PDB file of N, CA and C in Angstrom:
ATOM      1  N   UNK A   1      -3.025 -11.973   5.044  1.00  0.00           N
ATOM      2  CA  UNK A   1      -3.585 -10.934   4.256  1.00  0.00           C
ATOM      3  C   UNK A   1      -2.508  -9.954   3.949  1.00  0.00           C
ATOM      4  N   UNK A   2      -2.474  -9.486   2.704  1.00  0.00           N
ATOM      5  CA  UNK A   2      -1.650  -8.398   2.386  1.00  0.00           C
ATOM      6  C   UNK A   2      -2.435  -7.041   2.428  1.00  0.00           C
ATOM      7  N   UNK A   3      -2.128  -6.156   3.344  1.00  0.00           N
ATOM      8  CA  UNK A   3      -2.839  -4.871   3.549  1.00  0.00           C
ATOM      9  C   UNK A   3      -1.995  -3.738   3.125  1.00  0.00           C
ATOM     10  N   UNK A   4      -2.628  -2.821   2.385  1.00  0.00           N
ATOM     11  CA  UNK A   4      -1.990  -1.594   2.033  1.00  0.00           C
ATOM     12  C   UNK A   4      -2.796  -0.482   2.722  1.00  0.00           C
ATOM     13  N   UNK A   5      -2.046   0.388   3.354  1.00  0.00           N
ATOM     14  CA  UNK A   5      -2.661   1.655   4.049  1.00  0.00           C
ATOM     15  C   UNK A   5      -2.065   2.870   3.376  1.00  0.00           C
ATOM     16  N   UNK A   6      -2.913   3.727   2.911  1.00  0.00           N
ATOM     17  CA  UNK A   6      -2.584   5.000   2.438  1.00  0.00           C
ATOM     18  C   UNK A   6      -3.145   6.037   3.243  1.00  0.00           C
ATOM     19  N   UNK A   7      -2.349   6.919   3.800  1.00  0.00           N
ATOM     20  CA  UNK A   7      -2.861   7.957   4.721  1.00  0.00           C
ATOM     21  C   UNK A   7      -2.661   9.229   3.880  1.00  0.00           C
ATOM     22  N   UNK A   8      -3.584  10.156   3.999  1.00  0.00           N
ATOM     23  CA  UNK A   8      -3.466  11.465   3.266  1.00  0.00           C
ATOM     24  C   UNK A   8      -4.148  12.591   4.128  1.00  0.00           C
ATOM     25  N   UNK A   9      -3.379  13.446   4.570  1.00  0.00           N
ATOM     26  CA  UNK A   9      -3.925  14.682   5.193  1.00  0.00           C
ATOM     27  C   UNK A   9      -3.196  15.902   4.691  1.00  0.00           C
ATOM     28  N   UNK A  10      -3.661  17.099   5.136  1.00  0.00           N
ATOM     29  CA  UNK A  10      -3.132  18.324   4.614  1.00  0.00           C
ATOM     30  C   UNK A  10      -1.625  18.403   4.775  1.00  0.00           C
ATOM     31  N   UNK A  11      -1.087  18.202   5.970  1.00  0.00           N
ATOM     32  CA  UNK A  11       0.356  18.333   6.164  1.00  0.00           C
ATOM     33  C   UNK A  11       1.037  17.065   5.868  1.00  0.00           C
ATOM     34  N   UNK A  12       0.410  15.974   6.072  1.00  0.00           N
ATOM     35  CA  UNK A  12       1.063  14.672   5.810  1.00  0.00           C
ATOM     36  C   UNK A  12       2.104  14.367   6.950  1.00  0.00           C
ATOM     37  N   UNK A  13       1.840  14.838   8.137  1.00  0.00           N
ATOM     38  CA  UNK A  13       2.815  14.595   9.155  1.00  0.00           C
ATOM     39  C   UNK A  13       2.204  13.901  10.322  1.00  0.00           C
ATOM     40  N   UNK A  14       1.562  14.568  11.325  1.00  0.00           N
ATOM     41  CA  UNK A  14       1.159  13.982  12.508  1.00  0.00           C
ATOM     42  C   UNK A  14       0.115  12.847  12.407  1.00  0.00           C
ATOM     43  N   UNK A  15      -1.058  13.222  11.845  1.00  0.00           N
ATOM     44  CA  UNK A  15      -2.086  12.208  11.719  1.00  0.00           C
ATOM     45  C   UNK A  15      -1.684  11.038  10.771  1.00  0.00           C
ATOM     46  N   UNK A  16      -1.088  11.355   9.749  1.00  0.00           N
ATOM     47  CA  UNK A  16      -0.679  10.374   8.775  1.00  0.00           C
ATOM     48  C   UNK A  16       0.321   9.396   9.374  1.00  0.00           C
ATOM     49  N   UNK A  17       1.275   9.874  10.039  1.00  0.00           N
ATOM     50  CA  UNK A  17       2.292   9.032  10.688  1.00  0.00           C
ATOM     51  C   UNK A  17       1.616   8.169  11.801  1.00  0.00           C
ATOM     52  N   UNK A  18       0.802   8.806  12.628  1.00  0.00           N
ATOM     53  CA  UNK A  18       0.159   8.046  13.754  1.00  0.00           C
ATOM     54  C   UNK A  18      -0.687   6.919  13.207  1.00  0.00           C
ATOM     55  N   UNK A  19      -1.505   7.219  12.200  1.00  0.00           N
ATOM     56  CA  UNK A  19      -2.406   6.208  11.656  1.00  0.00           C
ATOM     57  C   UNK A  19      -1.656   5.062  10.909  1.00  0.00           C
ATOM     58  N   UNK A  20      -0.700   5.492  10.144  1.00  0.00           N
ATOM     59  CA  UNK A  20       0.080   4.490   9.384  1.00  0.00           C
ATOM     60  C   UNK A  20       0.862   3.559  10.375  1.00  0.00           C
ATOM     61  N   UNK A  21       1.459   4.081  11.403  1.00  0.00           N
ATOM     62  CA  UNK A  21       2.233   3.305  12.401  1.00  0.00           C
ATOM     63  C   UNK A  21       1.262   2.422  13.211  1.00  0.00           C
ATOM     64  N   UNK A  22       0.149   2.984  13.631  1.00  0.00           N
ATOM     65  CA  UNK A  22      -0.800   2.140  14.370  1.00  0.00           C
ATOM     66  C   UNK A  22      -1.449   1.018  13.632  1.00  0.00           C
ATOM     67  N   UNK A  23      -1.893   1.285  12.316  1.00  0.00           N
ATOM     68  CA  UNK A  23      -2.379   0.234  11.567  1.00  0.00           C
ATOM     69  C   UNK A  23      -1.403  -0.881  11.183  1.00  0.00           C
ATOM     70  N   UNK A  24      -0.158  -0.439  10.989  1.00  0.00           N
ATOM     71  CA  UNK A  24       0.920  -1.419  10.642  1.00  0.00           C
ATOM     72  C   UNK A  24       1.143  -2.290  11.864  1.00  0.00           C
ATOM     73  N   UNK A  25       1.186  -1.683  12.981  1.00  0.00           N
ATOM     74  CA  UNK A  25       1.464  -2.426  14.264  1.00  0.00           C
ATOM     75  C   UNK A  25       0.321  -3.430  14.501  1.00  0.00           C
ATOM     76  N   UNK A  26      -0.916  -2.982  14.326  1.00  0.00           N
ATOM     77  CA  UNK A  26      -2.056  -3.860  14.493  1.00  0.00           C
ATOM     78  C   UNK A  26      -2.151  -4.983  13.469  1.00  0.00           C
ATOM     79  N   UNK A  27      -1.853  -4.643  12.325  1.00  0.00           N
ATOM     80  CA  UNK A  27      -1.882  -5.690  11.254  1.00  0.00           C
ATOM     81  C   UNK A  27      -0.776  -6.792  11.497  1.00  0.00           C
ATOM     82  N   UNK A  28       0.427  -6.334  11.799  1.00  0.00           N
ATOM     83  CA  UNK A  28       1.492  -7.286  12.059  1.00  0.00           C
ATOM     84  C   UNK A  28       1.273  -8.099  13.298  1.00  0.00           C
ATOM     85  N   UNK A  29       0.597  -7.543  14.399  1.00  0.00           N
ATOM     86  CA  UNK A  29       0.262  -8.307  15.552  1.00  0.00           C
ATOM     87  C   UNK A  29      -0.753  -9.427  15.220  1.00  0.00           C
ATOM     88  N   UNK A  30      -1.559  -9.087  14.226  1.00  0.00           N
ATOM     89  CA  UNK A  30      -2.572 -10.130  13.809  1.00  0.00           C
ATOM     90  C   UNK A  30      -1.981 -11.110  12.697  1.00  0.00           C
ATOM     91  N   UNK A  31      -0.746 -10.928  12.331  1.00  0.00           N
ATOM     92  CA  UNK A  31      -0.095 -11.983  11.458  1.00  0.00           C
ATOM     93  C   UNK A  31      -0.290 -11.515   9.988  1.00  0.00           C
ATOM     94  N   UNK A  32      -0.579 -10.224   9.665  1.00  0.00           N
ATOM     95  CA  UNK A  32      -0.775  -9.791   8.337  1.00  0.00           C
ATOM     96  C   UNK A  32       0.454  -8.968   7.857  1.00  0.00           C
ATOM     97  N   UNK A  33       0.721  -8.946   6.597  1.00  0.00           N
ATOM     98  CA  UNK A  33       1.684  -8.052   5.950  1.00  0.00           C
ATOM     99  C   UNK A  33       1.041  -6.695   5.760  1.00  0.00           C
ATOM    100  N   UNK A  34       1.762  -5.577   6.079  1.00  0.00           N
ATOM    101  CA  UNK A  34       1.224  -4.321   5.931  1.00  0.00           C
ATOM    102  C   UNK A  34       2.181  -3.335   5.216  1.00  0.00           C
ATOM    103  N   UNK A  35       1.781  -2.743   4.220  1.00  0.00           N
ATOM    104  CA  UNK A  35       2.608  -1.758   3.516  1.00  0.00           C
ATOM    105  C   UNK A  35       1.961  -0.344   3.672  1.00  0.00           C
ATOM    106  N   UNK A  36       2.685   0.737   3.897  1.00  0.00           N
ATOM    107  CA  UNK A  36       2.134   2.011   4.193  1.00  0.00           C
ATOM    108  C   UNK A  36       2.708   3.076   3.201  1.00  0.00           C
ATOM    109  N   UNK A  37       1.875   4.052   2.882  1.00  0.00           N
ATOM    110  CA  UNK A  37       2.210   5.199   2.134  1.00  0.00           C
ATOM    111  C   UNK A  37       1.594   6.374   2.731  1.00  0.00           C
ATOM    112  N   UNK A  38       2.367   7.467   2.958  1.00  0.00           N
ATOM    113  CA  UNK A  38       1.798   8.608   3.564  1.00  0.00           C
ATOM    114  C   UNK A  38       1.867   9.745   2.538  1.00  0.00           C
ATOM    115  N   UNK A  39       0.785  10.477   2.362  1.00  0.00           N
ATOM    116  CA  UNK A  39       0.623  11.580   1.419  1.00  0.00           C
ATOM    117  C   UNK A  39       0.191  12.815   2.226  1.00  0.00           C
ATOM    118  N   UNK A  40       0.613  13.922   1.693  1.00  0.00           N
ATOM    119  CA  UNK A  40       0.162  15.206   2.312  1.00  0.00           C
ATOM    120  C   UNK A  40       1.100  16.328   2.094  1.00  0.00           C
ATOM    121  N   UNK A  41       0.642  17.529   2.200  1.00  0.00           N
ATOM    122  CA  UNK A  41       1.542  18.684   1.971  1.00  0.00           C
ATOM    123  C   UNK A  41       1.906  18.627   0.533  1.00  0.00           C
ATOM    124  N   UNK A  42       3.152  18.657   0.223  1.00  0.00           N
ATOM    125  CA  UNK A  42       3.650  18.620  -1.136  1.00  0.00           C
ATOM    126  C   UNK A  42       4.555  17.372  -1.372  1.00  0.00           C
ATOM    127  N   UNK A  43       4.282  16.427  -0.615  1.00  0.00           N
ATOM    128  CA  UNK A  43       5.111  15.223  -0.789  1.00  0.00           C
ATOM    129  C   UNK A  43       4.371  13.916  -0.630  1.00  0.00           C
ATOM    130  N   UNK A  44       5.018  12.817  -1.010  1.00  0.00           N
ATOM    131  CA  UNK A  44       4.451  11.472  -0.804  1.00  0.00           C
ATOM    132  C   UNK A  44       5.612  10.622  -0.333  1.00  0.00           C
ATOM    133  N   UNK A  45       5.588  10.133   0.846  1.00  0.00           N
ATOM    134  CA  UNK A  45       6.658   9.333   1.412  1.00  0.00           C
ATOM    135  C   UNK A  45       6.419   7.906   1.188  1.00  0.00           C
ATOM    136  N   UNK A  46       7.416   7.147   0.946  1.00  0.00           N
ATOM    137  CA  UNK A  46       7.303   5.706   0.855  1.00  0.00           C
ATOM    138  C   UNK A  46       6.340   5.264  -0.233  1.00  0.00           C
ATOM    139  N   UNK A  47       6.392   5.981  -1.417  1.00  0.00           N
ATOM    140  CA  UNK A  47       5.516   5.618  -2.540  1.00  0.00           C
ATOM    141  C   UNK A  47       5.642   4.116  -2.766  1.00  0.00           C
ATOM    142  N   UNK A  48       4.418   3.466  -2.808  1.00  0.00           N
ATOM    143  CA  UNK A  48       4.344   2.108  -3.067  1.00  0.00           C
ATOM    144  C   UNK A  48       4.515   1.689  -4.541  1.00  0.00           C
ATOM    145  N   UNK A  49       5.177   0.673  -4.784  1.00  0.00           N
ATOM    146  CA  UNK A  49       5.419   0.182  -6.147  1.00  0.00           C
ATOM    147  C   UNK A  49       4.116  -0.353  -6.705  1.00  0.00           C
ATOM    148  N   UNK A  50       4.070  -0.380  -8.009  1.00  0.00           N
ATOM    149  CA  UNK A  50       2.882  -0.875  -8.687  1.00  0.00           C
ATOM    150  C   UNK A  50       2.647  -2.380  -8.259  1.00  0.00           C
ATOM    151  N   UNK A  51       3.718  -3.153  -8.119  1.00  0.00           N
ATOM    152  CA  UNK A  51       3.669  -4.545  -7.737  1.00  0.00           C
ATOM    153  C   UNK A  51       2.988  -4.683  -6.368  1.00  0.00           C
ATOM    154  N   UNK A  52       3.429  -3.791  -5.368  1.00  0.00           N
ATOM    155  CA  UNK A  52       2.784  -3.899  -4.076  1.00  0.00           C
ATOM    156  C   UNK A  52       1.321  -3.531  -4.096  1.00  0.00           C
ATOM    157  N   UNK A  53       1.000  -2.461  -4.886  1.00  0.00           N
ATOM    158  CA  UNK A  53      -0.415  -2.062  -4.995  1.00  0.00           C
ATOM    159  C   UNK A  53      -1.264  -3.155  -5.583  1.00  0.00           C
ATOM    160  N   UNK A  54      -0.847  -3.856  -6.585  1.00  0.00           N
ATOM    161  CA  UNK A  54      -1.646  -4.918  -7.179  1.00  0.00           C
ATOM    162  C   UNK A  54      -1.611  -6.261  -6.428  1.00  0.00           C
ATOM    163  N   UNK A  55      -0.652  -6.406  -5.540  1.00  0.00           N
ATOM    164  CA  UNK A  55      -0.660  -7.613  -4.666  1.00  0.00           C
ATOM    165  C   UNK A  55      -1.518  -7.463  -3.387  1.00  0.00           C
ATOM    166  N   UNK A  56      -1.944  -6.248  -3.201  1.00  0.00           N
ATOM    167  CA  UNK A  56      -2.747  -6.053  -1.994  1.00  0.00           C
ATOM    168  C   UNK A  56      -4.172  -6.840  -1.976  1.00  0.00           C
ATOM    169  N   UNK A  57      -4.453  -7.387  -0.863  1.00  0.00           N
ATOM    170  CA  UNK A  57      -5.745  -8.021  -0.732  1.00  0.00           C
ATOM    171  C   UNK A  57      -6.782  -7.011  -0.294  1.00  0.00           C
ATOM    172  N   UNK A  58      -6.418  -6.087   0.524  1.00  0.00           N
ATOM    173  CA  UNK A  58      -7.341  -4.989   0.973  1.00  0.00           C
ATOM    174  C   UNK A  58      -6.538  -3.745   1.053  1.00  0.00           C
ATOM    175  N   UNK A  59      -7.194  -2.573   0.712  1.00  0.00           N
ATOM    176  CA  UNK A  59      -6.557  -1.312   0.739  1.00  0.00           C
ATOM    177  C   UNK A  59      -7.417  -0.389   1.701  1.00  0.00           C
ATOM    178  N   UNK A  60      -6.684   0.273   2.629  1.00  0.00           N
ATOM    179  CA  UNK A  60      -7.345   1.255   3.442  1.00  0.00           C
ATOM    180  C   UNK A  60      -6.827   2.634   3.096  1.00  0.00           C
ATOM    181  N   UNK A  61      -7.796   3.561   2.764  1.00  0.00           N
ATOM    182  CA  UNK A  61      -7.519   4.935   2.566  1.00  0.00           C
ATOM    183  C   UNK A  61      -8.004   5.664   3.885  1.00  0.00           C
ATOM    184  N   UNK A  62      -7.035   6.111   4.715  1.00  0.00           N
ATOM    185  CA  UNK A  62      -7.391   6.952   5.842  1.00  0.00           C
ATOM    186  C   UNK A  62      -7.016   8.371   5.409  1.00  0.00           C
ATOM    187  N   UNK A  63      -8.026   9.219   5.148  1.00  0.00           N
ATOM    188  CA  UNK A  63      -7.701  10.450   4.486  1.00  0.00           C
ATOM    189  C   UNK A  63      -8.521  11.640   4.970  1.00  0.00           C
ATOM    190  N   UNK A  64      -7.944  12.811   4.835  1.00  0.00           N
ATOM    191  CA  UNK A  64      -8.630  14.024   5.051  1.00  0.00           C
ATOM    192  C   UNK A  64      -8.654  14.911   3.740  1.00  0.00           C
ATOM    193  N   UNK A  65      -7.770  14.425   2.805  1.00  0.00           N
ATOM    194  CA  UNK A  65      -7.751  15.072   1.467  1.00  0.00           C
ATOM    195  C   UNK A  65      -7.846  13.880   0.451  1.00  0.00           C
ATOM    196  N   UNK A  66      -7.968  14.245  -0.795  1.00  0.00           N
ATOM    197  CA  UNK A  66      -8.050  13.126  -1.865  1.00  0.00           C
ATOM    198  C   UNK A  66      -6.760  12.362  -1.841  1.00  0.00           C
ATOM    199  N   UNK A  67      -6.802  11.081  -2.112  1.00  0.00           N
ATOM    200  CA  UNK A  67      -5.647  10.207  -2.273  1.00  0.00           C
ATOM    201  C   UNK A  67      -5.115  10.407  -3.675  1.00  0.00           C
ATOM    202  N   UNK A  68      -3.879  10.758  -3.818  1.00  0.00           N
ATOM    203  CA  UNK A  68      -3.188  10.947  -5.140  1.00  0.00           C
ATOM    204  C   UNK A  68      -2.963   9.518  -5.706  1.00  0.00           C
ATOM    205  N   UNK A  69      -3.128   9.470  -7.021  1.00  0.00           N
ATOM    206  CA  UNK A  69      -2.936   8.240  -7.788  1.00  0.00           C
ATOM    207  C   UNK A  69      -3.580   7.038  -7.279  1.00  0.00           C
ATOM    208  N   UNK A  70      -4.908   7.221  -6.934  1.00  0.00           N
ATOM    209  CA  UNK A  70      -5.705   6.198  -6.411  1.00  0.00           C
ATOM    210  C   UNK A  70      -6.031   5.102  -7.505  1.00  0.00           C
ATOM    211  N   UNK A  71      -5.857   5.338  -8.705  1.00  0.00           N
ATOM    212  CA  UNK A  71      -6.094   4.539  -9.766  1.00  0.00           C
ATOM    213  C   UNK A  71      -5.204   3.316  -9.741  1.00  0.00           C
ATOM    214  N   UNK A  72      -4.053   3.457  -8.988  1.00  0.00           N
ATOM    215  CA  UNK A  72      -3.116   2.255  -8.789  1.00  0.00           C
ATOM    216  C   UNK A  72      -3.890   1.020  -8.210  1.00  0.00           C
ATOM    217  N   UNK A  73      -4.927   1.353  -7.448  1.00  0.00           N
ATOM    218  CA  UNK A  73      -5.638   0.302  -6.739  1.00  0.00           C
ATOM    219  C   UNK A  73      -6.971  -0.120  -7.342  1.00  0.00           C
ATOM    220  N   UNK A  74      -7.081   0.178  -8.700  1.00  0.00           N
ATOM    221  CA  UNK A  74      -8.332  -0.239  -9.406  1.00  0.00           C
ATOM    222  C   UNK A  74      -8.603  -1.714  -9.238  1.00  0.00           C
ATOM    223  N   UNK A  75      -9.804  -2.082  -8.975  1.00  0.00           N
ATOM    224  CA  UNK A  75     -10.045  -3.598  -8.893  1.00  0.00           C
ATOM    225  C   UNK A  75      -9.827  -4.128  -7.479  1.00  0.00           C
ATOM    226  N   UNK A  76      -9.260  -3.335  -6.535  1.00  0.00           N
ATOM    227  CA  UNK A  76      -8.948  -3.810  -5.170  1.00  0.00           C
ATOM    228  C   UNK A  76     -10.068  -3.395  -4.260  1.00  0.00           C
ATOM    229  N   UNK A  77     -10.458  -4.089  -3.262  1.00  0.00           N
ATOM    230  CA  UNK A  77     -11.380  -3.661  -2.242  1.00  0.00           C
ATOM    231  C   UNK A  77     -10.695  -2.497  -1.451  1.00  0.00           C
ATOM    232  N   UNK A  78     -11.476  -1.356  -1.369  1.00  0.00           N
ATOM    233  CA  UNK A  78     -10.911  -0.218  -0.703  1.00  0.00           C
ATOM    234  C   UNK A  78     -11.850   0.157   0.464  1.00  0.00           C
ATOM    235  N   UNK A  79     -11.326   0.373   1.628  1.00  0.00           N
ATOM    236  CA  UNK A  79     -12.034   0.887   2.710  1.00  0.00           C
ATOM    237  C   UNK A  79     -11.596   2.331   2.904  1.00  0.00           C
ATOM    238  N   UNK A  80     -12.614   3.288   2.792  1.00  0.00           N
ATOM    239  CA  UNK A  80     -12.265   4.605   2.935  1.00  0.00           C
ATOM    240  C   UNK A  80     -12.752   5.109   4.299  1.00  0.00           C
ATOM    241  N   UNK A  81     -11.920   5.883   5.056  1.00  0.00           N
ATOM    242  CA  UNK A  81     -12.294   6.283   6.348  1.00  0.00           C
ATOM    243  C   UNK A  81     -11.562   7.630   6.618  1.00  0.00           C
ATOM    244  N   UNK A  82     -12.324   8.585   7.238  1.00  0.00           N
ATOM    245  CA  UNK A  82     -11.749   9.804   7.577  1.00  0.00           C
ATOM    246  C   UNK A  82     -10.530   9.559   8.508  1.00  0.00           C
ATOM    247  N   UNK A  83      -9.442  10.240   8.315  1.00  0.00           N
ATOM    248  CA  UNK A  83      -8.230   9.991   9.124  1.00  0.00           C
ATOM    249  C   UNK A  83      -8.409  10.204  10.619  1.00  0.00           C
ATOM    250  N   UNK A  84      -9.216  11.160  10.993  1.00  0.00           N
ATOM    251  CA  UNK A  84      -9.487  11.437  12.405  1.00  0.00           C
ATOM    252  C   UNK A  84     -10.361  10.331  13.019  1.00  0.00           C
ATOM    253  N   UNK A  85     -11.192   9.654  12.233  1.00  0.00           N
ATOM    254  CA  UNK A  85     -11.883   8.488  12.865  1.00  0.00           C
ATOM    255  C   UNK A  85     -11.040   7.285  12.848  1.00  0.00           C
ATOM    256  N   UNK A  86     -10.171   7.184  11.899  1.00  0.00           N
ATOM    257  CA  UNK A  86      -9.278   5.945  11.871  1.00  0.00           C
ATOM    258  C   UNK A  86      -8.373   5.909  13.117  1.00  0.00           C
ATOM    259  N   UNK A  87      -7.862   7.018  13.506  1.00  0.00           N
ATOM    260  CA  UNK A  87      -6.965   7.008  14.654  1.00  0.00           C
ATOM    261  C   UNK A  87      -7.620   6.671  15.978  1.00  0.00           C
ATOM    262  N   UNK A  88      -8.901   6.947  16.013  1.00  0.00           N
ATOM    263  CA  UNK A  88      -9.699   6.649  17.233  1.00  0.00           C
ATOM    264  C   UNK A  88     -10.034   5.175  17.507  1.00  0.00           C
ATOM    265  N   UNK A  89     -10.032   4.378  16.431  1.00  0.00           N
ATOM    266  CA  UNK A  89     -10.323   2.982  16.576  1.00  0.00           C
ATOM    267  C   UNK A  89      -9.666   2.080  15.697  1.00  0.00           C
ATOM    268  N   UNK A  90      -8.401   1.947  15.863  1.00  0.00           N
ATOM    269  CA  UNK A  90      -7.623   1.116  14.961  1.00  0.00           C
ATOM    270  C   UNK A  90      -7.983  -0.405  14.962  1.00  0.00           C
ATOM    271  N   UNK A  91      -8.329  -0.972  16.150  1.00  0.00           N
ATOM    272  CA  UNK A  91      -8.735  -2.334  16.128  1.00  0.00           C
ATOM    273  C   UNK A  91     -10.088  -2.567  15.291  1.00  0.00           C
ATOM    274  N   UNK A  92     -11.030  -1.717  15.358  1.00  0.00           N
ATOM    275  CA  UNK A  92     -12.217  -1.800  14.628  1.00  0.00           C
ATOM    276  C   UNK A  92     -11.996  -1.752  13.141  1.00  0.00           C
ATOM    277  N   UNK A  93     -11.075  -0.831  12.782  1.00  0.00           N
ATOM    278  CA  UNK A  93     -10.700  -0.638  11.306  1.00  0.00           C
ATOM    279  C   UNK A  93      -9.988  -1.919  10.782  1.00  0.00           C
ATOM    280  N   UNK A  94      -9.169  -2.512  11.657  1.00  0.00           N
ATOM    281  CA  UNK A  94      -8.525  -3.807  11.227  1.00  0.00           C
ATOM    282  C   UNK A  94      -9.498  -4.978  11.182  1.00  0.00           C
ATOM    283  N   UNK A  95     -10.499  -4.905  12.098  1.00  0.00           N
ATOM    284  CA  UNK A  95     -11.622  -5.923  12.005  1.00  0.00           C
ATOM    285  C   UNK A  95     -12.408  -5.785  10.700  1.00  0.00           C
ATOM    286  N   UNK A  96     -12.632  -4.580  10.282  1.00  0.00           N
ATOM    287  CA  UNK A  96     -13.279  -4.312   8.944  1.00  0.00           C
ATOM    288  C   UNK A  96     -12.445  -4.843   7.778  1.00  0.00           C
ATOM    289  N   UNK A  97     -11.145  -4.595   7.796  1.00  0.00           N
ATOM    290  CA  UNK A  97     -10.250  -5.060   6.816  1.00  0.00           C
ATOM    291  C   UNK A  97     -10.241  -6.635   6.743  1.00  0.00           C
ATOM    292  N   UNK A  98     -10.316  -7.311   7.937  1.00  0.00           N
ATOM    293  CA  UNK A  98     -10.306  -8.699   7.930  1.00  0.00           C
ATOM    294  C   UNK A  98     -11.677  -9.291   7.428  1.00  0.00           C
ATOM    295  N   UNK A  99     -12.695  -8.624   7.725  1.00  0.00           N
ATOM    296  CA  UNK A  99     -14.022  -8.908   7.227  1.00  0.00           C
ATOM    297  C   UNK A  99     -14.139  -8.847   5.680  1.00  0.00           C
ATOM    298  N   UNK A 100     -13.626  -7.763   5.145  1.00  0.00           N
ATOM    299  CA  UNK A 100     -13.538  -7.593   3.708  1.00  0.00           C
ATOM    300  C   UNK A 100     -12.713  -8.730   3.058  1.00  0.00           C
ATOM    301  N   UNK A 101     -11.600  -8.998   3.663  1.00  0.00           N
ATOM    302  CA  UNK A 101     -10.684 -10.028   3.150  1.00  0.00           C
ATOM    303  C   UNK A 101     -11.416 -11.393   3.211  1.00  0.00           C
ATOM    304  N   UNK A 102     -12.077 -11.693   4.317  1.00  0.00           N
ATOM    305  CA  UNK A 102     -12.769 -12.947   4.466  1.00  0.00           C
ATOM    306  C   UNK A 102     -13.895 -13.192   3.428  1.00  0.00           C
ATOM    307  N   UNK A 103     -14.560 -12.005   3.132  1.00  0.00           N
ATOM    308  CA  UNK A 103     -15.632 -12.012   2.064  1.00  0.00           C
ATOM    309  C   UNK A 103     -15.102 -12.349   0.646  1.00  0.00           C
ATOM    310  N   UNK A 104     -13.918 -11.852   0.436  1.00  0.00           N
ATOM    311  CA  UNK A 104     -13.247 -12.148  -0.877  1.00  0.00           C
ATOM    312  C   UNK A 104     -12.874 -13.651  -0.985  1.00  0.00           C
ATOM    313  N   UNK A 105     -12.550 -14.298   0.107  1.00  0.00           N
ATOM    314  CA  UNK A 105     -12.107 -15.644   0.080  1.00  0.00           C
ATOM    315  C   UNK A 105     -13.239 -16.655  -0.132  1.00  0.00           C
ATOM    316  N   UNK A 106     -14.522 -16.250  -0.160  1.00  0.00           N
ATOM    317  CA  UNK A 106     -15.681 -17.078  -0.222  1.00  0.00           C
ATOM    318  C   UNK A 106     -15.956 -17.297  -1.744  1.00  0.00           C
TER     319      UNK A 106
END
C-alpha cells in the first residue's frame, strides 16, 4: 500500500512531527510505503509532488487546522482524524488505513 500522511496543526511542529514520524514508522514496519507532509504555522515542509499524491492508495489527514491544497487528493480515499487522537493510537489508525485499502481491492 502507498500511504500518504498529511499532518496539519497550528504551529506545525511538535504534534505534526510526532504523528508523521510515528505513522511512517508503523507503515514501514507493516511493509507499506509512506510519504509525509507537515503543514502548520506559515509553512509546509516536504510538500508532496502531484505524482506522489495521485499514486497514493490511502491518504490520512491528521489535523487540528484545515489541510491546505487538499484538492490534490481528489478521488482518493481520505481518513480524517484529529491530530491529538491520531498520536494516541497509531496502530489503530494504521489498521483503519489497511481496512480502507482492502476494501478498495475488492
